[in-house]
Amino acid sequence: MADPNDSRPTPLGIYDRPSRPVISGVEIIALALSALWLIGAATFFLLLEPPAPETAGPATGTDRLRFVMTLLAVFMPVAMIWVAATAARASKVMREESYRLQAAIDAIRQAYVAQAQGRGGMSDASVQKKLDEIAAAQKKTETALATFHSSREQPAPVPASAIDPTQDHQAALPLGTRVEDMTPPLGRADLIRALNFPETAEDTEGFAALRKALKDRHAKELIQASQDVLTLLSQDGIYMDDLRPDMARPEIWRKFAAGERGRAVAALGGVRDRSSLALAAGRMRQDPIFRDAAHHFLRKFDQMFAGFADAASDADISDLANTRTARAFMLLGRVAGTFD
């Protein structure tokens, strides 16, 4: 039986958070109170109030004033109820935003304290230990991938009767040939899908593209660097699905691939979310681990895109720009001053 935890999204900080409900408890209470008041007012004015005396003459000013006061008595409390409901909902939203901002400030404060402790010699050992753990995990992953690759491509055994002892069946391989050099080249569609990462644990196409990309040495380095920065950004509450950047035209991306920098490619920094930019810039200044990971990711993305743009169409470039990895590049590139 499958583990129920396997159906949850991978917690890499790259997925969208659940949205707030459209109708909250405040609106439900306001609807109930409004309905009760309208029913009570209708009961009073239609059933309990004695009928007005009949007059032969036209309606007087007193009758019109009485009608206006009746409307105010019926609908004014309903309006006040909804004003109170709107104020309560706005107060709830402000409290949630305040909690989120406080959590981001606490994360920045913790990073600053950790950096201050590291100056006294306390964090060097922990950082070295973490780097050793990452290296060990990477080595284990490479070993597993190599085992999986070799087990799938192992040829069927040849019958002994079909072997000619007079012939040499050993294939001639040049010295220094690696497994990565023998794998077929990675397709552009698979690379784009892998750089967006799987949506959920059931995204079989995303995982298949990711496995293909991890067999390519250059794509593997970029994917690992992208995963590192996305995880670090999620610690400050920055998620790529929350960003809605202004998309640049493919010719701007081709200028970037050709080596142009600065204002000529400023349109690539289309991320306008001030909160995400401020949090990323603050951590870039205060956290050396985050700063090294960000610069390493930007360098790997630059190297990958320089080769990708040569044979890619405008549609391929547009699809790549919509991936989570490209959005992280837009955010960190703008923070690092790549587009200044």
Protein backbone atom coordinates (compact mmCIF):
# COMPACT_ATOMS: atom_id res chain seq x y z
CA MET A 1 0.00 0.00 0.00
CA ALA A 2 1.30 3.43 -0.87
CA ASP A 3 2.29 5.77 1.86
CA PRO A 4 -0.23 8.62 2.15
CA ASN A 5 2.60 11.06 2.63
CA ASP A 6 3.80 10.34 -0.90
CA SER A 7 0.89 12.28 -2.37
CA ARG A 8 2.04 15.56 -0.87
CA PRO A 9 4.04 18.02 -2.97
CA THR A 10 7.78 18.00 -2.58
CA PRO A 11 8.65 20.73 0.00
CA LEU A 12 11.24 22.57 -2.07
CA GLY A 13 9.69 26.01 -1.64
CA ILE A 14 8.66 26.22 -5.31
CA TYR A 15 4.98 25.50 -5.13
CA ASP A 16 2.07 27.85 -4.62
CA ARG A 17 0.48 28.28 -1.20
CA PRO A 18 -3.26 27.63 -0.67
CA SER A 19 -5.44 30.67 -1.29
CA ARG A 20 -7.81 32.20 1.25
CA PRO A 21 -11.51 31.17 1.17
CA VAL A 22 -13.78 33.50 -0.79
CA ILE A 23 -16.50 33.52 1.90
CA SER A 24 -15.30 33.56 5.49
CA GLY A 25 -17.13 33.22 8.77
CA VAL A 26 -17.52 36.99 9.02
CA GLU A 27 -19.57 37.13 5.82
CA ILE A 28 -21.70 34.19 6.95
CA ILE A 29 -22.51 35.95 10.23
CA ALA A 30 -23.29 39.18 8.39
CA LEU A 31 -25.63 37.36 6.01
CA ALA A 32 -27.44 35.70 8.91
CA LEU A 33 -27.87 38.98 10.80
CA SER A 34 -29.07 40.79 7.68
CA ALA A 35 -31.62 38.07 6.96
CA LEU A 36 -32.89 38.11 10.55
CA TRP A 37 -33.26 41.88 10.54
CA LEU A 38 -35.09 41.98 7.21
CA ILE A 39 -37.47 39.21 8.31
CA GLY A 40 -38.18 41.03 11.59
CA ALA A 41 -38.72 44.36 9.84
CA ALA A 42 -41.05 42.78 7.29
CA THR A 43 -43.01 41.11 10.09
CA PHE A 44 -43.35 44.37 11.99
CA PHE A 45 -44.38 46.64 9.12
CA LEU A 46 -46.59 44.17 7.29
CA LEU A 47 -48.29 42.26 10.09
CA LEU A 48 -48.00 44.09 13.41
CA GLU A 49 -48.31 47.75 12.35
CA PRO A 50 -51.95 48.98 12.24
CA PRO A 51 -53.14 50.17 8.81
CA ALA A 52 -52.98 53.92 8.20
CA PRO A 53 -56.33 55.78 8.07
CA GLU A 54 -57.68 56.31 4.58
CA THR A 55 -57.70 59.87 3.34
CA ALA A 56 -59.43 61.20 0.34
CA GLY A 57 -56.81 63.83 -0.42
CA PRO A 58 -53.38 63.37 -2.01
CA ALA A 59 -50.32 62.17 0.00
CA THR A 60 -48.97 64.83 2.29
CA GLY A 61 -45.36 65.69 3.15
CA THR A 62 -45.73 63.84 6.43
CA ASP A 63 -46.55 60.61 4.59
CA ARG A 64 -43.52 60.95 2.37
CA LEU A 65 -41.28 61.62 5.35
CA ARG A 66 -42.76 58.63 7.11
CA PHE A 67 -41.96 56.46 4.08
CA VAL A 68 -38.32 57.66 3.99
CA MET A 69 -37.91 57.01 7.73
CA THR A 70 -39.32 53.53 7.27
CA LEU A 71 -36.74 52.77 4.54
CA LEU A 72 -33.94 54.07 6.76
CA ALA A 73 -35.16 51.99 9.69
CA VAL A 74 -35.15 48.86 7.52
CA PHE A 75 -31.92 49.21 5.53
CA MET A 76 -29.65 51.31 7.75
CA PRO A 77 -28.91 48.43 10.22
CA VAL A 78 -28.15 46.14 7.25
CA ALA A 79 -25.65 48.66 5.92
CA MET A 80 -24.03 48.97 9.36
CA ILE A 81 -23.75 45.18 9.62
CA TRP A 82 -21.86 44.97 6.33
CA VAL A 83 -19.61 47.90 7.23
CA ALA A 84 -18.64 46.03 10.39
CA ALA A 85 -18.12 42.79 8.41
CA THR A 86 -15.87 44.55 5.90
CA ALA A 87 -13.82 46.10 8.69
CA ALA A 88 -13.46 42.72 10.42
CA ARG A 89 -12.27 41.02 7.22
CA ALA A 90 -9.78 43.81 6.51
CA SER A 91 -8.48 43.52 10.08
CA LYS A 92 -8.04 39.76 9.64
CA VAL A 93 -6.09 40.24 6.39
CA MET A 94 -3.86 42.83 8.04
CA ARG A 95 -3.14 40.48 10.93
CA GLU A 96 -2.18 37.67 8.53
CA GLU A 97 0.13 39.98 6.57
CA SER A 98 1.62 41.19 9.85
CA TYR A 99 2.33 37.61 10.93
CA ARG A 100 3.99 36.86 7.57
CA LEU A 101 6.14 39.98 7.78
CA GLN A 102 7.10 39.14 11.35
CA ALA A 103 8.13 35.64 10.29
CA ALA A 104 10.32 37.10 7.52
CA ILE A 105 11.92 39.53 9.98
CA ASP A 106 12.59 36.68 12.42
CA ALA A 107 14.25 34.67 9.66
CA ILE A 108 16.52 37.63 8.79
CA ARG A 109 17.33 38.13 12.47
CA GLN A 110 18.23 34.46 12.86
CA ALA A 111 20.50 34.62 9.83
CA TYR A 112 22.21 37.69 11.29
CA VAL A 113 22.70 35.98 14.67
CA ALA A 114 24.09 32.88 12.98
CA GLN A 115 26.53 35.05 11.02
CA ALA A 116 27.59 36.87 14.18
CA GLN A 117 28.20 33.58 15.96
CA GLY A 118 30.16 32.30 12.98
CA ARG A 119 32.66 35.15 13.43
CA GLY A 120 33.52 33.69 16.82
CA GLY A 121 34.37 30.33 15.30
CA MET A 122 31.14 28.56 16.27
CA SER A 123 29.52 28.24 12.82
CA ASP A 124 32.57 27.10 10.82
CA ALA A 125 32.26 23.55 12.09
CA SER A 126 28.51 23.44 11.42
CA VAL A 127 28.93 24.86 7.92
CA GLN A 128 31.69 22.36 7.14
CA LYS A 129 29.51 19.55 8.49
CA LYS A 130 26.59 20.66 6.33
CA LEU A 131 28.82 20.83 3.24
CA ASP A 132 30.11 17.31 3.99
CA GLU A 133 26.55 16.04 4.29
CA ILE A 134 25.60 17.65 0.96
CA ALA A 135 28.67 16.14 -0.73
CA ALA A 136 27.87 12.70 0.70
CA ALA A 137 24.25 12.92 -0.42
CA GLN A 138 25.34 14.03 -3.91
CA LYS A 139 27.79 11.14 -4.17
CA LYS A 140 25.09 8.69 -3.08
CA THR A 141 22.70 10.09 -5.69
CA GLU A 142 25.31 9.82 -8.45
CA THR A 143 26.02 6.21 -7.44
CA ALA A 144 22.32 5.35 -7.55
CA LEU A 145 21.88 7.01 -10.94
CA ALA A 146 24.92 5.21 -12.34
CA THR A 147 23.57 1.87 -11.04
CA PHE A 148 20.15 2.57 -12.54
CA HIS A 149 21.69 3.59 -15.85
CA SER A 150 23.94 0.55 -16.09
CA SER A 151 21.18 -1.88 -15.08
CA ARG A 152 18.85 -0.60 -17.80
CA GLU A 153 21.46 -0.59 -20.55
CA GLN A 154 23.10 -3.93 -19.68
CA PRO A 155 23.02 -6.15 -22.81
CA ALA A 156 21.52 -9.61 -22.83
CA PRO A 157 23.97 -12.52 -22.30
CA VAL A 158 25.42 -14.02 -25.48
CA PRO A 159 25.30 -17.84 -25.86
CA ALA A 160 28.65 -19.55 -25.58
CA SER A 161 28.16 -21.25 -28.95
CA ALA A 162 27.96 -17.87 -30.67
CA ILE A 163 31.36 -16.72 -29.38
CA ASP A 164 34.24 -17.03 -31.78
CA PRO A 165 37.48 -17.36 -29.80
CA THR A 166 39.47 -16.16 -32.80
CA GLN A 167 37.83 -12.74 -32.76
CA ASP A 168 38.25 -9.92 -30.29
CA HIS A 169 34.79 -8.75 -29.19
CA GLN A 170 36.00 -5.95 -26.94
CA ALA A 171 34.87 -2.55 -28.21
CA ALA A 172 37.56 0.04 -28.65
CA LEU A 173 36.89 3.03 -26.41
CA PRO A 174 39.13 6.07 -26.23
CA LEU A 175 40.84 6.74 -22.93
CA GLY A 176 39.04 9.13 -20.59
CA THR A 177 35.53 8.39 -21.90
CA ARG A 178 32.88 9.07 -19.26
CA VAL A 179 29.33 7.79 -18.91
CA GLU A 180 27.98 11.31 -19.52
CA ASP A 181 29.71 11.46 -22.89
CA MET A 182 27.98 8.24 -24.05
CA THR A 183 24.44 9.38 -23.19
CA PRO A 184 22.28 10.93 -25.95
CA PRO A 185 21.96 14.73 -25.92
CA LEU A 186 19.18 16.19 -23.80
CA GLY A 187 16.20 17.55 -25.73
CA ARG A 188 15.13 21.16 -25.30
CA ALA A 189 11.61 20.17 -24.24
CA ASP A 190 12.94 17.85 -21.51
CA LEU A 191 15.34 20.53 -20.28
CA ILE A 192 12.57 23.14 -20.06
CA ARG A 193 10.28 20.71 -18.23
CA ALA A 194 13.04 19.73 -15.79
CA LEU A 195 13.90 23.37 -15.00
CA ASN A 196 10.28 23.91 -13.95
CA PHE A 197 10.50 20.92 -11.54
CA PRO A 198 7.63 18.44 -10.94
CA GLU A 199 4.36 20.00 -9.85
CA THR A 200 3.32 17.22 -7.45
CA ALA A 201 4.39 13.72 -6.47
CA GLU A 202 2.05 12.37 -9.19
CA ASP A 203 3.67 14.43 -11.98
CA THR A 204 5.17 11.50 -13.89
CA GLU A 205 6.12 13.59 -16.92
CA GLY A 206 7.97 16.08 -14.72
CA PHE A 207 9.92 13.36 -12.93
CA ALA A 208 10.74 11.62 -16.21
CA ALA A 209 12.15 14.86 -17.64
CA LEU A 210 14.05 15.47 -14.41
CA ARG A 211 15.66 12.03 -14.55
CA LYS A 212 16.75 12.64 -18.15
CA ALA A 213 18.19 16.04 -17.25
CA LEU A 214 20.16 14.63 -14.30
CA LYS A 215 22.01 12.35 -16.73
CA ASP A 216 23.34 15.42 -18.55
CA ARG A 217 26.30 16.91 -16.69
CA HIS A 218 25.64 20.58 -17.47
CA ALA A 219 21.89 20.33 -16.89
CA LYS A 220 22.50 18.47 -13.64
CA GLU A 221 24.72 21.23 -12.29
CA LEU A 222 22.11 23.91 -13.09
CA ILE A 223 19.24 21.88 -11.60
CA GLN A 224 21.13 21.32 -8.37
CA ALA A 225 22.05 25.02 -8.15
CA SER A 226 18.44 26.00 -8.87
CA GLN A 227 17.12 23.62 -6.21
CA ASP A 228 19.53 25.10 -3.65
CA VAL A 229 18.46 28.72 -4.23
CA LEU A 230 14.75 27.86 -4.39
CA THR A 231 15.00 26.08 -1.05
CA LEU A 232 16.87 29.02 0.50
CA LEU A 233 14.36 31.52 -0.89
CA SER A 234 11.46 29.51 0.53
CA GLN A 235 12.92 29.97 4.01
CA ASP A 236 12.08 33.69 3.68
CA GLY A 237 8.60 32.99 2.31
CA ILE A 238 9.57 33.68 -1.33
CA TYR A 239 7.85 31.27 -3.72
CA MET A 240 8.27 31.31 -7.48
CA ASP A 241 4.57 30.64 -8.12
CA ASP A 242 3.75 33.89 -6.29
CA LEU A 243 5.85 35.98 -8.66
CA ARG A 244 4.25 37.48 -11.76
CA PRO A 245 7.19 38.99 -13.65
CA ASP A 246 6.96 41.12 -16.79
CA MET A 247 8.05 38.77 -19.56
CA ALA A 248 10.78 40.02 -21.90
CA ARG A 249 10.77 39.43 -25.64
CA PRO A 250 12.87 36.54 -27.03
CA GLU A 251 15.26 38.96 -28.77
CA ILE A 252 16.21 40.41 -25.37
CA TRP A 253 17.06 36.93 -24.14
CA ARG A 254 19.17 36.37 -27.26
CA LYS A 255 21.10 39.57 -26.52
CA PHE A 256 21.80 38.20 -23.05
CA ALA A 257 23.00 34.91 -24.55
CA ALA A 258 25.30 36.89 -26.86
CA GLY A 259 27.01 38.45 -23.83
CA GLU A 260 25.27 41.83 -23.50
CA ARG A 261 24.70 43.07 -19.95
CA GLY A 262 23.38 46.17 -18.23
CA ARG A 263 20.54 48.31 -19.57
CA ALA A 264 20.45 46.51 -22.91
CA VAL A 265 18.95 43.47 -21.16
CA ALA A 266 17.26 45.30 -18.26
CA ALA A 267 13.87 43.96 -19.39
CA LEU A 268 14.92 40.50 -18.16
CA GLY A 269 14.66 41.70 -14.56
CA GLY A 270 10.88 41.74 -14.75
CA VAL A 271 10.23 40.84 -11.10
CA ARG A 272 8.43 43.81 -9.47
CA ASP A 273 7.45 42.30 -6.11
CA ARG A 274 9.01 44.71 -3.60
CA SER A 275 8.74 42.36 -0.64
CA SER A 276 10.57 39.53 -2.43
CA LEU A 277 13.24 41.89 -3.75
CA ALA A 278 13.84 43.42 -0.31
CA LEU A 279 14.05 40.05 1.46
CA ALA A 280 16.38 38.58 -1.19
CA ALA A 281 18.61 41.68 -1.17
CA GLY A 282 18.83 41.66 2.65
CA ARG A 283 19.82 38.03 2.75
CA MET A 284 22.28 38.51 -0.09
CA ARG A 285 24.11 41.08 2.06
CA GLN A 286 23.94 39.21 5.37
CA ASP A 287 24.13 35.49 4.52
CA PRO A 288 27.39 34.40 2.83
CA ILE A 289 26.04 30.91 2.11
CA PHE A 290 23.02 32.36 0.30
CA ARG A 291 25.25 34.83 -1.57
CA ASP A 292 27.59 32.07 -2.79
CA ALA A 293 24.67 29.85 -3.81
CA ALA A 294 23.02 32.74 -5.71
CA HIS A 295 26.18 33.69 -7.64
CA HIS A 296 26.85 30.02 -8.44
CA PHE A 297 23.29 29.65 -9.75
CA LEU A 298 23.52 32.81 -11.88
CA ARG A 299 26.81 31.61 -13.38
CA LYS A 300 25.39 28.16 -14.24
CA PHE A 301 22.23 29.67 -15.76
CA ASP A 302 24.36 32.01 -17.88
CA GLN A 303 26.46 29.11 -19.16
CA MET A 304 23.42 26.97 -19.92
CA PHE A 305 21.48 29.68 -21.74
CA ALA A 306 24.43 30.68 -23.90
CA GLY A 307 24.32 27.24 -25.51
CA PHE A 308 20.54 26.86 -25.34
CA ALA A 309 19.73 30.01 -27.30
CA ASP A 310 21.81 29.01 -30.36
CA ALA A 311 19.41 26.30 -31.52
CA ALA A 312 16.26 27.34 -29.63
CA SER A 313 13.25 28.94 -31.28
CA ASP A 314 11.40 31.95 -29.90
CA ALA A 315 8.73 29.61 -28.52
CA ASP A 316 11.40 27.57 -26.69
CA ILE A 317 12.84 30.72 -25.13
CA SER A 318 9.38 31.88 -24.04
CA ASP A 319 8.67 28.48 -22.45
CA LEU A 320 12.01 28.55 -20.65
CA ALA A 321 11.29 32.06 -19.33
CA ASN A 322 8.09 30.76 -17.71
CA THR A 323 9.88 28.11 -15.62
CA ARG A 324 10.52 28.44 -11.90
CA THR A 325 14.27 28.40 -12.53
CA ALA A 326 14.02 31.36 -14.92
CA ARG A 327 11.95 33.32 -12.41
CA ALA A 328 14.60 32.73 -9.77
CA PHE A 329 17.16 34.00 -12.28
CA MET A 330 15.11 37.17 -12.87
CA LEU A 331 14.82 37.80 -9.13
CA LEU A 332 18.42 37.07 -8.16
CA GLY A 333 19.83 38.72 -11.29
CA ARG A 334 18.07 41.94 -10.42
CA VAL A 335 19.25 41.75 -6.79
CA ALA A 336 22.84 41.02 -7.87
CA GLY A 337 22.87 43.95 -10.32
CA THR A 338 23.13 41.88 -13.50
CA PHE A 339 20.63 44.13 -15.29
CA ASP A 340 21.93 47.49 -13.99
